[in-house]
C-alpha atoms as a PDB file:
ATOM      1  CA  MET A   1     -61.023 -53.532-200.213  1.00  0.00           C
ATOM      2  CA  THR A   2     -58.706 -50.499-200.508  1.00  0.00           C
ATOM      3  CA  THR A   3     -59.560 -46.684-199.564  1.00  0.00           C
ATOM      4  CA  SER A   4     -57.716 -44.734-202.038  1.00  0.00           C
ATOM      5  CA  LYS A   5     -59.516 -41.667-203.053  1.00  0.00           C
ATOM      6  CA  ARG A   6     -58.009 -38.482-205.547  1.00  0.00           C
ATOM      7  CA  THR A   7     -59.683 -34.943-204.687  1.00  0.00           C
ATOM      8  CA  HIS A   8     -59.453 -32.708-207.578  1.00  0.00           C
ATOM      9  CA  SER A   9     -59.161 -29.279-206.647  1.00  0.00           C
ATOM     10  CA  PHE A  10     -60.585 -28.465-210.355  1.00  0.00           C
ATOM     11  CA  LYS A  11     -63.947 -28.983-211.041  1.00  0.00           C
ATOM     12  CA  THR A  12     -65.754 -30.001-213.917  1.00  0.00           C
ATOM     13  CA  PRO A  13     -68.149 -26.821-215.080  1.00  0.00           C
ATOM     14  CA  CYS A  14     -71.707 -27.799-214.376  1.00  0.00           C
ATOM     15  CA  GLU A  15     -72.592 -26.108-217.851  1.00  0.00           C
ATOM     16  CA  GLN A  16     -69.967 -28.810-219.616  1.00  0.00           C
ATOM     17  CA  CYS A  17     -70.997 -31.697-217.398  1.00  0.00           C
ATOM     18  CA  PRO A  18     -70.943 -35.059-219.710  1.00  0.00           C
ATOM     19  CA  LEU A  19     -74.294 -36.017-218.351  1.00  0.00           C
ATOM     20  CA  ARG A  20     -76.395 -33.190-219.339  1.00  0.00           C
ATOM     21  CA  PRO A  21     -76.202 -34.070-222.874  1.00  0.00           C
ATOM     22  CA  LEU A  22     -77.742 -37.383-222.347  1.00  0.00           C
ATOM     23  CA  PRO A  23     -81.498 -37.820-223.284  1.00  0.00           C
ATOM     24  CA  HIS A  24     -81.826 -39.686-220.170  1.00  0.00           C
ATOM     25  CA  PHE A  25     -81.832 -36.557-217.614  1.00  0.00           C
ATOM     26  CA  ARG A  26     -83.890 -33.424-217.634  1.00  0.00           C
ATOM     27  CA  GLU A  27     -82.836 -30.046-218.613  1.00  0.00           C
ATOM     28  CA  PHE A  28     -81.633 -27.493-215.764  1.00  0.00           C
ATOM     29  CA  SER A  29     -83.030 -24.245-216.060  1.00  0.00           C
ATOM     30  CA  ARG A  30     -80.200 -21.368-215.867  1.00  0.00           C
ATOM     31  CA  ASP A  31     -80.922 -20.594-212.260  1.00  0.00           C
ATOM     32  CA  GLU A  32     -80.975 -23.929-210.857  1.00  0.00           C
ATOM     33  CA  LEU A  33     -77.995 -24.561-213.001  1.00  0.00           C
ATOM     34  CA  GLU A  34     -76.327 -21.373-211.424  1.00  0.00           C
ATOM     35  CA  PHE A  35     -77.319 -22.457-208.086  1.00  0.00           C
ATOM     36  CA  VAL A  36     -75.894 -26.099-208.610  1.00  0.00           C
ATOM     37  CA  SER A  37     -72.736 -24.640-209.663  1.00  0.00           C
ATOM     38  CA  ARG A  38     -72.093 -22.735-206.632  1.00  0.00           C
ATOM     39  CA  PHE A  39     -73.472 -26.003-204.720  1.00  0.00           C
ATOM     40  CA  LYS A  40     -70.650 -28.105-206.180  1.00  0.00           C
ATOM     41  CA  ARG A  41     -67.130 -27.797-203.961  1.00  0.00           C
ATOM     42  CA  GLY A  42     -64.979 -30.167-206.089  1.00  0.00           C
ATOM     43  CA  GLU A  43     -64.451 -33.635-207.498  1.00  0.00           C
ATOM     44  CA  LEU A  44     -63.454 -37.203-205.635  1.00  0.00           C
ATOM     45  CA  ALA A  45     -61.787 -39.530-207.864  1.00  0.00           C
ATOM     46  CA  VAL A  46     -61.836 -43.228-206.329  1.00  0.00           C
ATOM     47  CA  ASP A  47     -59.893 -46.428-207.426  1.00  0.00           C
ATOM     48  CA  ALA A  48     -61.899 -49.597-208.433  1.00  0.00           C
ATOM     49  CA  GLY A  49     -62.093 -51.632-205.397  1.00  0.00           C
ATOM     50  CA  SER A  50     -62.109 -48.406-202.768  1.00  0.00           C
ATOM     51  CA  THR A  51     -64.824 -47.810-200.263  1.00  0.00           C
ATOM     52  CA  ILE A  52     -66.323 -44.446-201.201  1.00  0.00           C
ATOM     53  CA  LEU A  53     -68.761 -44.327-197.727  1.00  0.00           C
ATOM     54  CA  VAL A  54     -68.608 -46.553-194.761  1.00  0.00           C
ATOM     55  CA  GLU A  55     -71.876 -47.759-192.675  1.00  0.00           C
ATOM     56  CA  GLY A  56     -71.715 -45.330-189.400  1.00  0.00           C
ATOM     57  CA  ALA A  57     -69.690 -42.760-190.611  1.00  0.00           C
ATOM     58  CA  HIS A  58     -70.462 -38.825-190.521  1.00  0.00           C
ATOM     59  CA  SER A  59     -69.899 -37.166-194.102  1.00  0.00           C
ATOM     60  CA  ALA A  60     -70.158 -33.773-194.270  1.00  0.00           C
ATOM     61  CA  HIS A  61     -70.533 -34.115-198.029  1.00  0.00           C
ATOM     62  CA  LEU A  62     -73.239 -35.464-200.544  1.00  0.00           C
ATOM     63  CA  PHE A  63     -71.803 -36.873-203.853  1.00  0.00           C
ATOM     64  CA  THR A  64     -73.527 -37.257-207.532  1.00  0.00           C
ATOM     65  CA  VAL A  65     -71.863 -39.987-209.405  1.00  0.00           C
ATOM     66  CA  LEU A  66     -70.128 -38.240-212.652  1.00  0.00           C
ATOM     67  CA  SER A  67     -68.843 -41.663-214.203  1.00  0.00           C
ATOM     68  CA  GLY A  68     -68.454 -45.289-212.908  1.00  0.00           C
ATOM     69  CA  TRP A  69     -70.056 -48.205-211.362  1.00  0.00           C
ATOM     70  CA  GLY A  70     -70.228 -48.734-207.777  1.00  0.00           C
ATOM     71  CA  PHE A  71     -72.572 -50.625-205.143  1.00  0.00           C
ATOM     72  CA  ARG A  72     -74.464 -50.096-201.975  1.00  0.00           C
ATOM     73  CA  TYR A  73     -73.972 -52.648-199.054  1.00  0.00           C
ATOM     74  CA  LYS A  74     -74.389 -54.221-195.778  1.00  0.00           C
ATOM     75  CA  MET A  75     -72.024 -56.729-194.026  1.00  0.00           C
ATOM     76  CA  LEU A  76     -72.757 -58.913-190.898  1.00  0.00           C
ATOM     77  CA  GLU A  77     -70.378 -59.074-188.222  1.00  0.00           C
ATOM     78  CA  ASP A  78     -68.767 -62.598-189.354  1.00  0.00           C
ATOM     79  CA  GLY A  79     -68.180 -60.772-193.067  1.00  0.00           C
ATOM     80  CA  ARG A  80     -71.325 -62.154-195.074  1.00  0.00           C
ATOM     81  CA  ARG A  81     -72.315 -59.354-197.164  1.00  0.00           C
ATOM     82  CA  GLN A  82     -75.536 -58.262-198.759  1.00  0.00           C
ATOM     83  CA  ILE A  83     -75.472 -55.845-201.879  1.00  0.00           C
ATOM     84  CA  LEU A  84     -78.626 -53.726-201.760  1.00  0.00           C
ATOM     85  CA  ASN A  85     -78.090 -51.852-205.072  1.00  0.00           C
ATOM     86  CA  TYR A  86     -75.823 -50.081-207.651  1.00  0.00           C
ATOM     87  CA  ILE A  87     -74.703 -47.021-208.294  1.00  0.00           C
ATOM     88  CA  MET A  88     -74.193 -45.450-211.650  1.00  0.00           C
ATOM     89  CA  PRO A  89     -73.486 -41.650-213.145  1.00  0.00           C
ATOM     90  CA  GLY A  90     -76.457 -39.422-212.080  1.00  0.00           C
ATOM     91  CA  ASP A  91     -77.178 -41.127-208.871  1.00  0.00           C
ATOM     92  CA  LEU A  92     -76.805 -39.356-205.579  1.00  0.00           C
ATOM     93  CA  ILE A  93     -75.340 -40.673-202.431  1.00  0.00           C
ATOM     94  CA  GLY A  94     -74.672 -39.783-199.119  1.00  0.00           C
ATOM     95  CA  LEU A  95     -78.345 -38.316-199.035  1.00  0.00           C
ATOM     96  CA  GLN A  96     -79.169 -41.131-195.900  1.00  0.00           C
ATOM     97  CA  GLY A  97     -76.196 -39.500-193.938  1.00  0.00           C
ATOM     98  CA  THR A  98     -77.786 -36.219-194.162  1.00  0.00           C
ATOM     99  CA  ILE A  99     -81.112 -37.401-193.243  1.00  0.00           C
ATOM    100  CA  ALA A 100     -80.046 -40.159-190.539  1.00  0.00           C
ATOM    101  CA  GLY A 101     -77.050 -38.535-189.280  1.00  0.00           C
ATOM    102  CA  GLU A 102     -74.857 -41.265-190.288  1.00  0.00           C
ATOM    103  CA  MET A 103     -74.517 -43.839-192.801  1.00  0.00           C
ATOM    104  CA  GLN A 104     -76.690 -46.915-192.740  1.00  0.00           C
ATOM    105  CA  HIS A 105     -74.630 -48.672-195.422  1.00  0.00           C
ATOM    106  CA  SER A 106     -71.153 -48.451-197.337  1.00  0.00           C
ATOM    107  CA  ILE A 107     -70.716 -47.734-200.724  1.00  0.00           C
ATOM    108  CA  GLU A 108     -67.336 -49.562-203.025  1.00  0.00           C
ATOM    109  CA  ALA A 109     -66.452 -48.442-206.427  1.00  0.00           C
ATOM    110  CA  LEU A 110     -66.638 -51.381-208.862  1.00  0.00           C
ATOM    111  CA  SER A 111     -64.592 -49.379-211.817  1.00  0.00           C
ATOM    112  CA  PRO A 112     -62.847 -46.291-211.233  1.00  0.00           C
ATOM    113  CA  VAL A 113     -65.419 -43.907-210.189  1.00  0.00           C
ATOM    114  CA  SER A 114     -65.476 -39.685-210.472  1.00  0.00           C
ATOM    115  CA  LEU A 115     -67.920 -38.127-208.053  1.00  0.00           C
ATOM    116  CA  CYS A 116     -69.043 -34.298-208.009  1.00  0.00           C
ATOM    117  CA  VAL A 117     -68.576 -33.268-204.216  1.00  0.00           C
ATOM    118  CA  PHE A 118     -71.405 -30.991-202.638  1.00  0.00           C
ATOM    119  CA  GLU A 119     -71.375 -29.909-198.806  1.00  0.00           C
ATOM    120  CA  ARG A 120     -74.269 -31.450-196.939  1.00  0.00           C
ATOM    121  CA  ASP A 121     -74.893 -28.031-194.960  1.00  0.00           C
ATOM    122  CA  ARG A 122     -75.756 -26.485-197.914  1.00  0.00           C
ATOM    123  CA  LEU A 123     -78.837 -28.881-198.584  1.00  0.00           C
ATOM    124  CA  MET A 124     -81.218 -26.633-197.026  1.00  0.00           C
ATOM    125  CA  THR A 125     -80.666 -23.733-198.792  1.00  0.00           C
ATOM    126  CA  LEU A 126     -81.376 -25.758-201.965  1.00  0.00           C
ATOM    127  CA  TYR A 127     -85.033 -26.733-200.196  1.00  0.00           C
ATOM    128  CA  ASN A 128     -85.665 -22.947-199.269  1.00  0.00           C
ATOM    129  CA  LYS A 129     -84.815 -21.529-202.540  1.00  0.00           C
ATOM    130  CA  HIS A 130     -85.018 -24.187-205.193  1.00  0.00           C
ATOM    131  CA  ALA A 131     -88.115 -26.091-204.967  1.00  0.00           C
ATOM    132  CA  SER A 132     -87.822 -28.053-208.437  1.00  0.00           C
ATOM    133  CA  LEU A 133     -84.635 -29.096-207.293  1.00  0.00           C
ATOM    134  CA  ALA A 134     -85.999 -30.131-204.015  1.00  0.00           C
ATOM    135  CA  PHE A 135     -88.540 -32.345-205.897  1.00  0.00           C
ATOM    136  CA  ASP A 136     -86.031 -33.687-207.817  1.00  0.00           C
ATOM    137  CA  ILE A 137     -84.002 -35.005-204.272  1.00  0.00           C
ATOM    138  CA  THR A 138     -87.261 -36.502-203.244  1.00  0.00           C
ATOM    139  CA  TRP A 139     -87.536 -37.982-206.423  1.00  0.00           C
ATOM    140  CA  ILE A 140     -84.595 -39.793-206.437  1.00  0.00           C
ATOM    141  CA  ALA A 141     -85.323 -40.862-202.895  1.00  0.00           C
ATOM    142  CA  ALA A 142     -88.818 -42.308-204.137  1.00  0.00           C
ATOM    143  CA  ARG A 143     -87.068 -43.948-206.971  1.00  0.00           C
ATOM    144  CA  GLU A 144     -84.465 -45.933-204.844  1.00  0.00           C
ATOM    145  CA  GLU A 145     -87.312 -47.072-202.759  1.00  0.00           C
ATOM    146  CA  ARG A 146     -89.025 -48.198-206.358  1.00  0.00           C
ATOM    147  CA  ILE A 147     -85.973 -49.947-207.333  1.00  0.00           C
ATOM    148  CA  LEU A 148     -85.243 -51.627-203.822  1.00  0.00           C
ATOM    149  CA  ASP A 149     -88.916 -52.735-204.032  1.00  0.00           C
ATOM    150  CA  GLU A 150     -88.169 -54.296-207.100  1.00  0.00           C
ATOM    151  CA  HIS A 151     -84.885 -56.133-205.793  1.00  0.00           C
ATOM    152  CA  LEU A 152     -86.873 -57.837-202.969  1.00  0.00           C
ATOM    153  CA  LEU A 153     -89.604 -59.044-204.705  1.00  0.00           C
ATOM    154  CA  SER A 154     -86.886 -60.506-206.821  1.00  0.00           C
ATOM    155  CA  ILE A 155     -84.854 -62.115-203.749  1.00  0.00           C
ATOM    156  CA  GLY A 156     -88.510 -63.109-201.937  1.00  0.00           C
ATOM    157  CA  ARG A 157     -90.352 -64.444-204.765  1.00  0.00           C
ATOM    158  CA  ARG A 158     -88.117 -64.924-208.048  1.00  0.00           C
ATOM    159  CA  THR A 159     -86.540 -68.025-208.929  1.00  0.00           C
ATOM    160  CA  ALA A 160     -83.119 -68.167-208.967  1.00  0.00           C
ATOM    161  CA  LEU A 161     -82.796 -68.503-212.783  1.00  0.00           C
ATOM    162  CA  GLU A 162     -85.612 -65.406-212.512  1.00  0.00           C
ATOM    163  CA  ARG A 163     -83.560 -63.529-210.356  1.00  0.00           C
ATOM    164  CA  ALA A 164     -79.979 -63.746-211.804  1.00  0.00           C
ATOM    165  CA  ALA A 165     -81.975 -62.568-215.475  1.00  0.00           C
ATOM    166  CA  TYR A 166     -83.369 -59.988-213.489  1.00  0.00           C
ATOM    167  CA  LEU A 167     -80.158 -58.603-211.882  1.00  0.00           C
ATOM    168  CA  ILE A 168     -78.309 -58.854-214.821  1.00  0.00           C
ATOM    169  CA  ALA A 169     -81.169 -56.975-217.338  1.00  0.00           C
ATOM    170  CA  PHE A 170     -81.760 -54.395-214.478  1.00  0.00           C
ATOM    171  CA  LEU A 171     -77.934 -53.413-214.867  1.00  0.00           C
ATOM    172  CA  TYR A 172     -77.765 -53.726-218.524  1.00  0.00           C
ATOM    173  CA  GLU A 173     -80.971 -51.327-219.179  1.00  0.00           C
ATOM    174  CA  ARG A 174     -79.656 -48.871-216.602  1.00  0.00           C
ATOM    175  CA  GLY A 175     -76.166 -48.793-218.342  1.00  0.00           C
ATOM    176  CA  ARG A 176     -77.539 -48.816-221.930  1.00  0.00           C
ATOM    177  CA  LYS A 177     -79.540 -45.833-220.621  1.00  0.00           C
ATOM    178  CA  LEU A 178     -76.421 -44.047-219.328  1.00  0.00           C
ATOM    179  CA  ASP A 179     -74.060 -44.981-222.527  1.00  0.00           C
ATOM    180  CA  LEU A 180     -72.046 -47.131-220.630  1.00  0.00           C
ATOM    181  CA  PHE A 181     -71.124 -49.810-222.805  1.00  0.00           C
ATOM    182  CA  ASN A 182     -69.183 -47.925-225.477  1.00  0.00           C
ATOM    183  CA  GLY A 183     -70.444 -50.535-228.351  1.00  0.00           C
ATOM    184  CA  ARG A 184     -69.756 -53.460-225.428  1.00  0.00           C
ATOM    185  CA  LYS A 185     -72.214 -54.658-223.461  1.00  0.00           C
ATOM    186  CA  SER A 186     -69.687 -56.084-220.527  1.00  0.00           C
ATOM    187  CA  ILE A 187     -71.429 -54.970-216.794  1.00  0.00           C
ATOM    188  CA  PRO A 188     -68.290 -54.674-214.402  1.00  0.00           C
ATOM    189  CA  ILE A 189     -69.160 -57.538-211.502  1.00  0.00           C
ATOM    190  CA  THR A 190     -68.055 -60.910-210.480  1.00  0.00           C
ATOM    191  CA  GLN A 191     -70.114 -63.733-209.920  1.00  0.00           C
ATOM    192  CA  GLN A 192     -69.683 -62.945-206.112  1.00  0.00           C
ATOM    193  CA  HIS A 193     -71.198 -59.538-206.728  1.00  0.00           C
ATOM    194  CA  ILE A 194     -74.224 -61.384-208.102  1.00  0.00           C
ATOM    195  CA  ALA A 195     -74.136 -64.069-205.246  1.00  0.00           C
ATOM    196  CA  ASP A 196     -73.734 -61.358-202.706  1.00  0.00           C
ATOM    197  CA  THR A 197     -76.705 -59.492-204.379  1.00  0.00           C
ATOM    198  CA  LEU A 198     -78.908 -62.360-204.843  1.00  0.00           C
ATOM    199  CA  GLY A 199     -78.676 -63.953-201.478  1.00  0.00           C
ATOM    200  CA  LEU A 200     -77.413 -67.252-203.048  1.00  0.00           C
ATOM    201  CA  SER A 201     -74.028 -69.240-202.624  1.00  0.00           C
ATOM    202  CA  ILE A 202     -71.783 -68.656-205.102  1.00  0.00           C
ATOM    203  CA  VAL A 203     -71.708 -72.323-206.201  1.00  0.00           C
ATOM    204  CA  HIS A 204     -75.334 -72.136-206.793  1.00  0.00           C
ATOM    205  CA  THR A 205     -74.828 -68.610-208.569  1.00  0.00           C
ATOM    206  CA  ASN A 206     -72.556 -70.303-210.692  1.00  0.00           C
ATOM    207  CA  LYS A 207     -74.670 -73.180-211.887  1.00  0.00           C
ATOM    208  CA  THR A 208     -77.639 -70.335-212.518  1.00  0.00           C
ATOM    209  CA  LEU A 209     -75.414 -68.404-214.746  1.00  0.00           C
ATOM    210  CA  ARG A 210     -74.356 -71.137-216.762  1.00  0.00           C
ATOM    211  CA  LYS A 211     -77.718 -71.865-217.703  1.00  0.00           C
ATOM    212  CA  LEU A 212     -78.726 -68.166-218.841  1.00  0.00           C
ATOM    213  CA  GLY A 213     -74.998 -68.726-220.775  1.00  0.00           C
ATOM    214  CA  GLU A 214     -76.492 -71.830-222.257  1.00  0.00           C
ATOM    215  CA  ARG A 215     -79.444 -69.879-223.636  1.00  0.00           C
ATOM    216  CA  GLY A 216     -76.846 -67.082-225.363  1.00  0.00           C
ATOM    217  CA  LEU A 217     -78.088 -64.743-222.984  1.00  0.00           C
ATOM    218  CA  ILE A 218     -74.851 -63.686-221.453  1.00  0.00           C
ATOM    219  CA  ARG A 219     -71.285 -64.594-221.731  1.00  0.00           C
ATOM    220  CA  TRP A 220     -68.976 -64.658-218.895  1.00  0.00           C
ATOM    221  CA  GLN A 221     -65.462 -62.861-219.237  1.00  0.00           C
ATOM    222  CA  GLU A 222     -62.752 -61.964-217.311  1.00  0.00           C
ATOM    223  CA  ARG A 223     -63.823 -58.262-216.325  1.00  0.00           C
ATOM    224  CA  GLY A 224     -67.507 -58.784-216.146  1.00  0.00           C
ATOM    225  CA  CYS A 225     -70.802 -60.209-217.681  1.00  0.00           C
ATOM    226  CA  GLU A 226     -71.494 -59.239-221.246  1.00  0.00           C
ATOM    227  CA  VAL A 227     -75.378 -59.258-222.380  1.00  0.00           C
ATOM    228  CA  GLN A 228     -75.804 -60.676-225.509  1.00  0.00           C
ATOM    229  CA  ASN A 229     -79.904 -60.839-225.405  1.00  0.00           C
ATOM    230  CA  GLY A 230     -81.240 -58.303-222.884  1.00  0.00           C
ATOM    231  CA  GLU A 231     -84.967 -58.537-224.368  1.00  0.00           C
ATOM    232  CA  GLU A 232     -84.649 -62.005-223.627  1.00  0.00           C
ATOM    233  CA  LEU A 233     -83.232 -61.845-219.963  1.00  0.00           C
ATOM    234  CA  MET A 234     -86.152 -59.520-219.167  1.00  0.00           C
ATOM    235  CA  ALA A 235     -88.633 -62.285-220.509  1.00  0.00           C
ATOM    236  CA  VAL A 236     -86.860 -64.738-218.109  1.00  0.00           C
ATOM    237  CA  ALA A 237     -87.427 -62.397-215.265  1.00  0.00           C
ATOM    238  CA  GLY A 238     -90.574 -61.535-216.196  1.00  0.00           C
ATOM    239  CA  TRP A 239     -89.761 -57.811-215.882  1.00  0.00           C
ATOM    240  CA  GLU A 240     -90.994 -54.983-218.165  1.00  0.00           C
ATOM    241  CA  GLY A 241     -87.815 -52.408-217.821  1.00  0.00           C
ATOM    242  CA  LEU A 242     -87.094 -49.617-216.051  1.00  0.00           C
ATOM    243  CA  GLY A 243     -90.466 -47.880-217.437  1.00  0.00           C
ATOM    244  CA  GLU A 244     -89.199 -44.507-216.563  1.00  0.00           C
ATOM    245  CA  GLY A 245     -88.591 -41.043-218.902  1.00  0.00           C
ATOM    246  CA  LYS A 246     -86.570 -38.317-218.175  1.00  0.00           C
ATOM    247  CA  ARG A 247     -85.243 -38.271-214.775  1.00  0.00           C
ATOM    248  CA  PRO A 248     -83.358 -35.670-212.222  1.00  0.00           C
ATOM    249  CA  PHE A 249     -80.106 -35.328-211.046  1.00  0.00           C
ATOM    250  CA  ILE A 250     -78.581 -33.056-208.708  1.00  0.00           C
END
């Protein structure tokens, strides 16, 4: 695991943010856009496989994912890893460190990731002067809780096949809404990532993914998992989808 990061002194103007035209996100008012433009301090480029935030760290910044894929995880002392969730464009990271004083999990980049950087100390100004943006942060936190509820249900009650189908369908649906695939439906994860998310051994994970492949639902490639039938994956998992309209981001 590396920690390669490059801070950009420039910043993409919020008016030209590549996320704003996506129908998945709500529109900003002029006042909100002006505040977020001042709130933003720059951008950070992170290489694939690099650590973005470390459990126990005190960070002076919050980040919004501008591009790329990553994941949140916790480690046991013996090196066993539990992946908690995955991060994609529009996700706010580092908020937990702001509230709790230090990060309670780590975050790693699955692909090259670009981040918008915000000063944590200015967060109270947002709460004091921009109620709509404060609600957005509350919405983002509540959404993360809802996603974790579904992940916990999956680990606790779904079969191995249902778990794998749910996880891949979940990542595919999120990526599709964010227009991340560019014609290719490949999710940049390894079988080890899936095993560490589902709480299964790598051997059990491999056998389970092979069954999904034999049904023509996925195809495993060197650089990730290609989804061939997202709707059928959802049916196998008994999952109805994300079920959300336009969502906010900071």
